[in-house]
């Protein structure tokens, strides 16, 4: 399971030029990732292995949030209000509502978001001028790759054939969103 498109070339240039905006957005992304993991745990407590996996993930995402908040402090920035994430919001609109379908879709949408985050954090790790930020973003990109794999494995465990078929549909929609949405100084 992989992304069907690459981030537009102009994104990394914009992200480096307007990194202060990106790092604020990144903090909000980490906050929402931790909350999403806890939401999954609350919504599906009876799915074998899900609760512990989501508890670990929430802890890791909260740790990432702490690191990004430290960068904000170092740069004299404040978190401020969340401007929202049109990309993630559009993907969330694809989630179906019957319980099993909703579980598979939430897992796969989360996987796609983590996979796109991994790609973009890796781009920051390659292009930011500050070596400490490059190292931090490299570590976070590796963690995001693991998160994407975790969500895919859980979806396959819940409904292998359905998850494989549905991932193809959602990945096509995710690629369409990346192609058609405006490039922003944000992680997504």
C-alpha atoms as a PDB file:
ATOM      1  CA  UNK A   1       0.000   0.000   0.000  1.00  0.00           C
ATOM      2  CA  UNK A   2       1.516   3.273  -1.096  1.00  0.00           C
ATOM      3  CA  UNK A   3       0.681   6.776  -2.259  1.00  0.00           C
ATOM      4  CA  UNK A   4      -0.245   7.169  -5.907  1.00  0.00           C
ATOM      5  CA  UNK A   5       1.246  10.630  -6.378  1.00  0.00           C
ATOM      6  CA  UNK A   6       4.139  12.746  -5.207  1.00  0.00           C
ATOM      7  CA  UNK A   7       3.965  16.101  -3.520  1.00  0.00           C
ATOM      8  CA  UNK A   8       4.098  18.929  -6.069  1.00  0.00           C
ATOM      9  CA  UNK A   9       7.633  20.282  -6.536  1.00  0.00           C
ATOM     10  CA  UNK A  10       6.619  23.772  -5.426  1.00  0.00           C
ATOM     11  CA  UNK A  11       5.555  22.582  -1.987  1.00  0.00           C
ATOM     12  CA  UNK A  12       9.051  22.147  -0.540  1.00  0.00           C
ATOM     13  CA  UNK A  13      10.178  25.544  -1.841  1.00  0.00           C
ATOM     14  CA  UNK A  14       7.139  27.219  -0.232  1.00  0.00           C
ATOM     15  CA  UNK A  15       7.519  25.185   2.971  1.00  0.00           C
ATOM     16  CA  UNK A  16      11.164  26.217   3.425  1.00  0.00           C
ATOM     17  CA  UNK A  17      10.463  29.879   2.580  1.00  0.00           C
ATOM     18  CA  UNK A  18       7.509  30.045   4.978  1.00  0.00           C
ATOM     19  CA  UNK A  19       8.722  27.532   7.543  1.00  0.00           C
ATOM     20  CA  UNK A  20       7.275  29.456  10.496  1.00  0.00           C
ATOM     21  CA  UNK A  21       3.769  28.843   9.110  1.00  0.00           C
ATOM     22  CA  UNK A  22       4.597  25.206   8.404  1.00  0.00           C
ATOM     23  CA  UNK A  23       5.905  24.530  11.912  1.00  0.00           C
ATOM     24  CA  UNK A  24       2.757  26.028  13.496  1.00  0.00           C
ATOM     25  CA  UNK A  25       0.626  23.848  11.223  1.00  0.00           C
ATOM     26  CA  UNK A  26       2.823  20.860  12.058  1.00  0.00           C
ATOM     27  CA  UNK A  27       2.135  21.331  15.767  1.00  0.00           C
ATOM     28  CA  UNK A  28      -1.595  21.287  15.070  1.00  0.00           C
ATOM     29  CA  UNK A  29      -1.156  18.131  12.949  1.00  0.00           C
ATOM     30  CA  UNK A  30       0.628  16.331  15.787  1.00  0.00           C
ATOM     31  CA  UNK A  31      -2.072  17.444  18.245  1.00  0.00           C
ATOM     32  CA  UNK A  32      -4.794  16.104  15.948  1.00  0.00           C
ATOM     33  CA  UNK A  33      -2.891  12.848  15.331  1.00  0.00           C
ATOM     34  CA  UNK A  34      -2.743  12.171  19.083  1.00  0.00           C
ATOM     35  CA  UNK A  35      -6.431  13.027  19.439  1.00  0.00           C
ATOM     36  CA  UNK A  36      -7.314  10.807  16.461  1.00  0.00           C
ATOM     37  CA  UNK A  37      -5.532   7.842  18.039  1.00  0.00           C
ATOM     38  CA  UNK A  38      -7.453   8.333  21.289  1.00  0.00           C
ATOM     39  CA  UNK A  39     -10.690   8.737  19.325  1.00  0.00           C
ATOM     40  CA  UNK A  40     -10.068   5.419  17.562  1.00  0.00           C
ATOM     41  CA  UNK A  41      -9.413   3.764  20.914  1.00  0.00           C
ATOM     42  CA  UNK A  42     -12.686   5.174  22.298  1.00  0.00           C
ATOM     43  CA  UNK A  43     -14.769   4.303  19.230  1.00  0.00           C
ATOM     44  CA  UNK A  44     -13.485   0.726  18.768  1.00  0.00           C
ATOM     45  CA  UNK A  45     -12.365  -0.577  22.193  1.00  0.00           C
ATOM     46  CA  UNK A  46     -13.320  -4.164  21.349  1.00  0.00           C
ATOM     47  CA  UNK A  47     -11.107  -4.562  18.253  1.00  0.00           C
ATOM     48  CA  UNK A  48      -8.242  -6.897  19.221  1.00  0.00           C
ATOM     49  CA  UNK A  49      -4.927  -5.057  19.464  1.00  0.00           C
ATOM     50  CA  UNK A  50      -6.361  -1.667  18.515  1.00  0.00           C
ATOM     51  CA  UNK A  51      -6.582  -0.118  21.980  1.00  0.00           C
ATOM     52  CA  UNK A  52      -2.952  -0.770  22.916  1.00  0.00           C
ATOM     53  CA  UNK A  53      -1.704   0.268  19.482  1.00  0.00           C
ATOM     54  CA  UNK A  54      -3.654   3.528  19.618  1.00  0.00           C
ATOM     55  CA  UNK A  55      -2.508   4.248  23.193  1.00  0.00           C
ATOM     56  CA  UNK A  56       1.132   3.846  22.087  1.00  0.00           C
ATOM     57  CA  UNK A  57       0.511   5.957  19.007  1.00  0.00           C
ATOM     58  CA  UNK A  58      -1.158   8.746  21.003  1.00  0.00           C
ATOM     59  CA  UNK A  59       1.841   8.818  23.355  1.00  0.00           C
ATOM     60  CA  UNK A  60       4.288   9.007  20.433  1.00  0.00           C
ATOM     61  CA  UNK A  61       2.281  11.719  18.651  1.00  0.00           C
ATOM     62  CA  UNK A  62       2.115  13.715  21.889  1.00  0.00           C
ATOM     63  CA  UNK A  63       5.903  13.408  22.101  1.00  0.00           C
ATOM     64  CA  UNK A  64       6.190  14.774  18.567  1.00  0.00           C
ATOM     65  CA  UNK A  65       3.877  17.619  19.536  1.00  0.00           C
ATOM     66  CA  UNK A  66       6.180  18.445  22.442  1.00  0.00           C
ATOM     67  CA  UNK A  67       9.196  18.536  20.105  1.00  0.00           C
ATOM     68  CA  UNK A  68       7.439  20.796  17.608  1.00  0.00           C
ATOM     69  CA  UNK A  69       6.243  23.098  20.400  1.00  0.00           C
ATOM     70  CA  UNK A  70       9.873  23.382  21.499  1.00  0.00           C
ATOM     71  CA  UNK A  71      10.758  24.544  17.963  1.00  0.00           C
ATOM     72  CA  UNK A  72       7.934  27.086  18.138  1.00  0.00           C
ATOM     73  CA  UNK A  73       9.326  28.417  21.413  1.00  0.00           C
ATOM     74  CA  UNK A  74      12.861  28.605  19.995  1.00  0.00           C
ATOM     75  CA  UNK A  75      11.573  30.597  17.020  1.00  0.00           C
ATOM     76  CA  UNK A  76       9.481  32.936  19.189  1.00  0.00           C
ATOM     77  CA  UNK A  77       6.219  31.636  17.731  1.00  0.00           C
ATOM     78  CA  UNK A  78       2.950  30.738  19.416  1.00  0.00           C
ATOM     79  CA  UNK A  79       0.626  27.901  18.517  1.00  0.00           C
ATOM     80  CA  UNK A  80      -2.374  30.139  17.907  1.00  0.00           C
ATOM     81  CA  UNK A  81      -5.688  28.915  16.542  1.00  0.00           C
ATOM     82  CA  UNK A  82      -5.891  25.917  14.238  1.00  0.00           C
ATOM     83  CA  UNK A  83      -6.498  27.107  10.649  1.00  0.00           C
ATOM     84  CA  UNK A  84      -7.807  23.668   9.724  1.00  0.00           C
ATOM     85  CA  UNK A  85      -6.560  21.122   7.231  1.00  0.00           C
ATOM     86  CA  UNK A  86      -8.673  21.020   4.046  1.00  0.00           C
ATOM     87  CA  UNK A  87      -6.767  17.951   2.820  1.00  0.00           C
ATOM     88  CA  UNK A  88      -7.471  15.852   5.940  1.00  0.00           C
ATOM     89  CA  UNK A  89     -11.039  17.176   6.125  1.00  0.00           C
ATOM     90  CA  UNK A  90     -11.678  16.116   2.511  1.00  0.00           C
ATOM     91  CA  UNK A  91     -10.274  12.637   3.179  1.00  0.00           C
ATOM     92  CA  UNK A  92     -12.396  12.302   6.331  1.00  0.00           C
ATOM     93  CA  UNK A  93     -15.480  12.977   4.173  1.00  0.00           C
ATOM     94  CA  UNK A  94     -14.761   9.659   2.408  1.00  0.00           C
ATOM     95  CA  UNK A  95     -15.322   7.626   5.585  1.00  0.00           C
ATOM     96  CA  UNK A  96     -18.398   5.417   5.336  1.00  0.00           C
ATOM     97  CA  UNK A  97     -20.690   5.046   8.341  1.00  0.00           C
ATOM     98  CA  UNK A  98     -21.635   1.410   8.975  1.00  0.00           C
ATOM     99  CA  UNK A  99     -19.408   0.284  11.882  1.00  0.00           C
ATOM    100  CA  UNK A 100     -17.059  -2.172  10.136  1.00  0.00           C
ATOM    101  CA  UNK A 101     -16.753   0.006   7.037  1.00  0.00           C
ATOM    102  CA  UNK A 102     -16.172   3.058   9.215  1.00  0.00           C
ATOM    103  CA  UNK A 103     -13.383   1.284  11.094  1.00  0.00           C
ATOM    104  CA  UNK A 104     -11.636   0.184   7.888  1.00  0.00           C
ATOM    105  CA  UNK A 105     -12.038   3.637   6.324  1.00  0.00           C
ATOM    106  CA  UNK A 106     -10.801   5.503   9.402  1.00  0.00           C
ATOM    107  CA  UNK A 107      -7.750   3.258   9.560  1.00  0.00           C
ATOM    108  CA  UNK A 108      -7.005   3.704   5.858  1.00  0.00           C
ATOM    109  CA  UNK A 109      -7.592   7.463   5.839  1.00  0.00           C
ATOM    110  CA  UNK A 110      -5.252   7.703   8.828  1.00  0.00           C
ATOM    111  CA  UNK A 111      -2.705   5.591   6.948  1.00  0.00           C
ATOM    112  CA  UNK A 112      -2.851   7.890   3.917  1.00  0.00           C
ATOM    113  CA  UNK A 113      -2.465  11.013   6.055  1.00  0.00           C
ATOM    114  CA  UNK A 114       0.530   9.484   7.839  1.00  0.00           C
ATOM    115  CA  UNK A 115       2.063   8.407   4.524  1.00  0.00           C
ATOM    116  CA  UNK A 116       1.711  11.908   3.066  1.00  0.00           C
ATOM    117  CA  UNK A 117       3.108  13.375   6.289  1.00  0.00           C
ATOM    118  CA  UNK A 118       6.091  11.031   6.049  1.00  0.00           C
ATOM    119  CA  UNK A 119       6.792  12.169   2.505  1.00  0.00           C
ATOM    120  CA  UNK A 120       6.616  15.857   3.407  1.00  0.00           C
ATOM    121  CA  UNK A 121       8.597  15.570   6.625  1.00  0.00           C
ATOM    122  CA  UNK A 122      11.295  13.734   4.666  1.00  0.00           C
ATOM    123  CA  UNK A 123      11.333  16.594   2.145  1.00  0.00           C
ATOM    124  CA  UNK A 124      11.818  19.063   5.003  1.00  0.00           C
ATOM    125  CA  UNK A 125      14.623  16.868   6.361  1.00  0.00           C
ATOM    126  CA  UNK A 126      16.344  17.122   2.983  1.00  0.00           C
ATOM    127  CA  UNK A 127      15.842  20.836   2.343  1.00  0.00           C
ATOM    128  CA  UNK A 128      15.806  22.813   5.601  1.00  0.00           C
ATOM    129  CA  UNK A 129      19.042  24.750   6.137  1.00  0.00           C
ATOM    130  CA  UNK A 130      19.302  24.046   9.889  1.00  0.00           C
ATOM    131  CA  UNK A 131      21.014  20.679  10.599  1.00  0.00           C
ATOM    132  CA  UNK A 132      19.152  20.173  13.897  1.00  0.00           C
ATOM    133  CA  UNK A 133      15.783  20.676  12.186  1.00  0.00           C
ATOM    134  CA  UNK A 134      16.838  18.361   9.344  1.00  0.00           C
ATOM    135  CA  UNK A 135      17.697  15.664  11.879  1.00  0.00           C
ATOM    136  CA  UNK A 136      14.446  16.138  13.811  1.00  0.00           C
ATOM    137  CA  UNK A 137      12.351  15.982  10.658  1.00  0.00           C
ATOM    138  CA  UNK A 138      14.255  12.919   9.471  1.00  0.00           C
ATOM    139  CA  UNK A 139      13.416  11.110  12.715  1.00  0.00           C
ATOM    140  CA  UNK A 140       9.788  12.200  12.518  1.00  0.00           C
ATOM    141  CA  UNK A 141       9.517  11.075   8.888  1.00  0.00           C
ATOM    142  CA  UNK A 142      10.709   7.610   9.912  1.00  0.00           C
ATOM    143  CA  UNK A 143       8.132   7.521  12.712  1.00  0.00           C
ATOM    144  CA  UNK A 144       5.340   8.596  10.337  1.00  0.00           C
ATOM    145  CA  UNK A 145       6.283   5.726   8.006  1.00  0.00           C
ATOM    146  CA  UNK A 146       5.773   3.342  10.922  1.00  0.00           C
ATOM    147  CA  UNK A 147       2.430   4.938  11.759  1.00  0.00           C
ATOM    148  CA  UNK A 148       1.211   4.513   8.191  1.00  0.00           C
ATOM    149  CA  UNK A 149       2.248   0.852   8.243  1.00  0.00           C
ATOM    150  CA  UNK A 150       0.489   0.340  11.580  1.00  0.00           C
ATOM    151  CA  UNK A 151      -2.808   1.698  10.258  1.00  0.00           C
ATOM    152  CA  UNK A 152      -2.531  -0.446   7.105  1.00  0.00           C
ATOM    153  CA  UNK A 153      -1.778  -3.592   9.122  1.00  0.00           C
ATOM    154  CA  UNK A 154      -4.732  -2.956  11.422  1.00  0.00           C
ATOM    155  CA  UNK A 155      -7.074  -2.392   8.460  1.00  0.00           C
ATOM    156  CA  UNK A 156      -5.861  -5.602   6.797  1.00  0.00           C
ATOM    157  CA  UNK A 157      -6.345  -7.488  10.059  1.00  0.00           C
ATOM    158  CA  UNK A 158      -9.947  -6.250  10.336  1.00  0.00           C
ATOM    159  CA  UNK A 159     -10.982  -6.956   6.731  1.00  0.00           C
ATOM    160  CA  UNK A 160      -8.176  -8.002   4.362  1.00  0.00           C
ATOM    161  CA  UNK A 161      -9.995  -8.035   1.015  1.00  0.00           C
ATOM    162  CA  UNK A 162     -12.153  -5.020   1.808  1.00  0.00           C
ATOM    163  CA  UNK A 163      -9.141  -3.057   3.082  1.00  0.00           C
ATOM    164  CA  UNK A 164      -7.097  -3.800  -0.034  1.00  0.00           C
ATOM    165  CA  UNK A 165      -9.936  -2.785  -2.352  1.00  0.00           C
ATOM    166  CA  UNK A 166     -10.881   0.260  -0.316  1.00  0.00           C
ATOM    167  CA  UNK A 167      -7.269   1.448  -0.011  1.00  0.00           C
ATOM    168  CA  UNK A 168      -7.058   1.608  -3.815  1.00  0.00           C
ATOM    169  CA  UNK A 169     -10.191   3.797  -3.920  1.00  0.00           C
ATOM    170  CA  UNK A 170      -9.057   6.074  -1.105  1.00  0.00           C
ATOM    171  CA  UNK A 171      -5.506   6.349  -2.473  1.00  0.00           C
ATOM    172  CA  UNK A 172      -6.918   7.467  -5.841  1.00  0.00           C
ATOM    173  CA  UNK A 173      -9.008  10.120  -4.080  1.00  0.00           C
ATOM    174  CA  UNK A 174      -5.991  11.204  -2.015  1.00  0.00           C
ATOM    175  CA  UNK A 175      -3.912  11.580  -5.203  1.00  0.00           C
ATOM    176  CA  UNK A 176      -6.698  13.632  -6.793  1.00  0.00           C
ATOM    177  CA  UNK A 177      -6.766  15.918  -3.748  1.00  0.00           C
ATOM    178  CA  UNK A 178      -2.998  16.440  -3.878  1.00  0.00           C
ATOM    179  CA  UNK A 179      -3.217  17.301  -7.587  1.00  0.00           C
ATOM    180  CA  UNK A 180      -6.177  19.679  -7.285  1.00  0.00           C
ATOM    181  CA  UNK A 181      -5.836  21.431  -3.924  1.00  0.00           C
ATOM    182  CA  UNK A 182      -3.770  24.610  -3.715  1.00  0.00           C
ATOM    183  CA  UNK A 183      -0.243  24.215  -2.369  1.00  0.00           C
ATOM    184  CA  UNK A 184      -0.101  25.657   1.155  1.00  0.00           C
ATOM    185  CA  UNK A 185       2.637  26.502   3.650  1.00  0.00           C
ATOM    186  CA  UNK A 186       1.389  23.581   5.748  1.00  0.00           C
ATOM    187  CA  UNK A 187       2.165  19.893   6.175  1.00  0.00           C
ATOM    188  CA  UNK A 188      -0.858  18.943   4.050  1.00  0.00           C
END
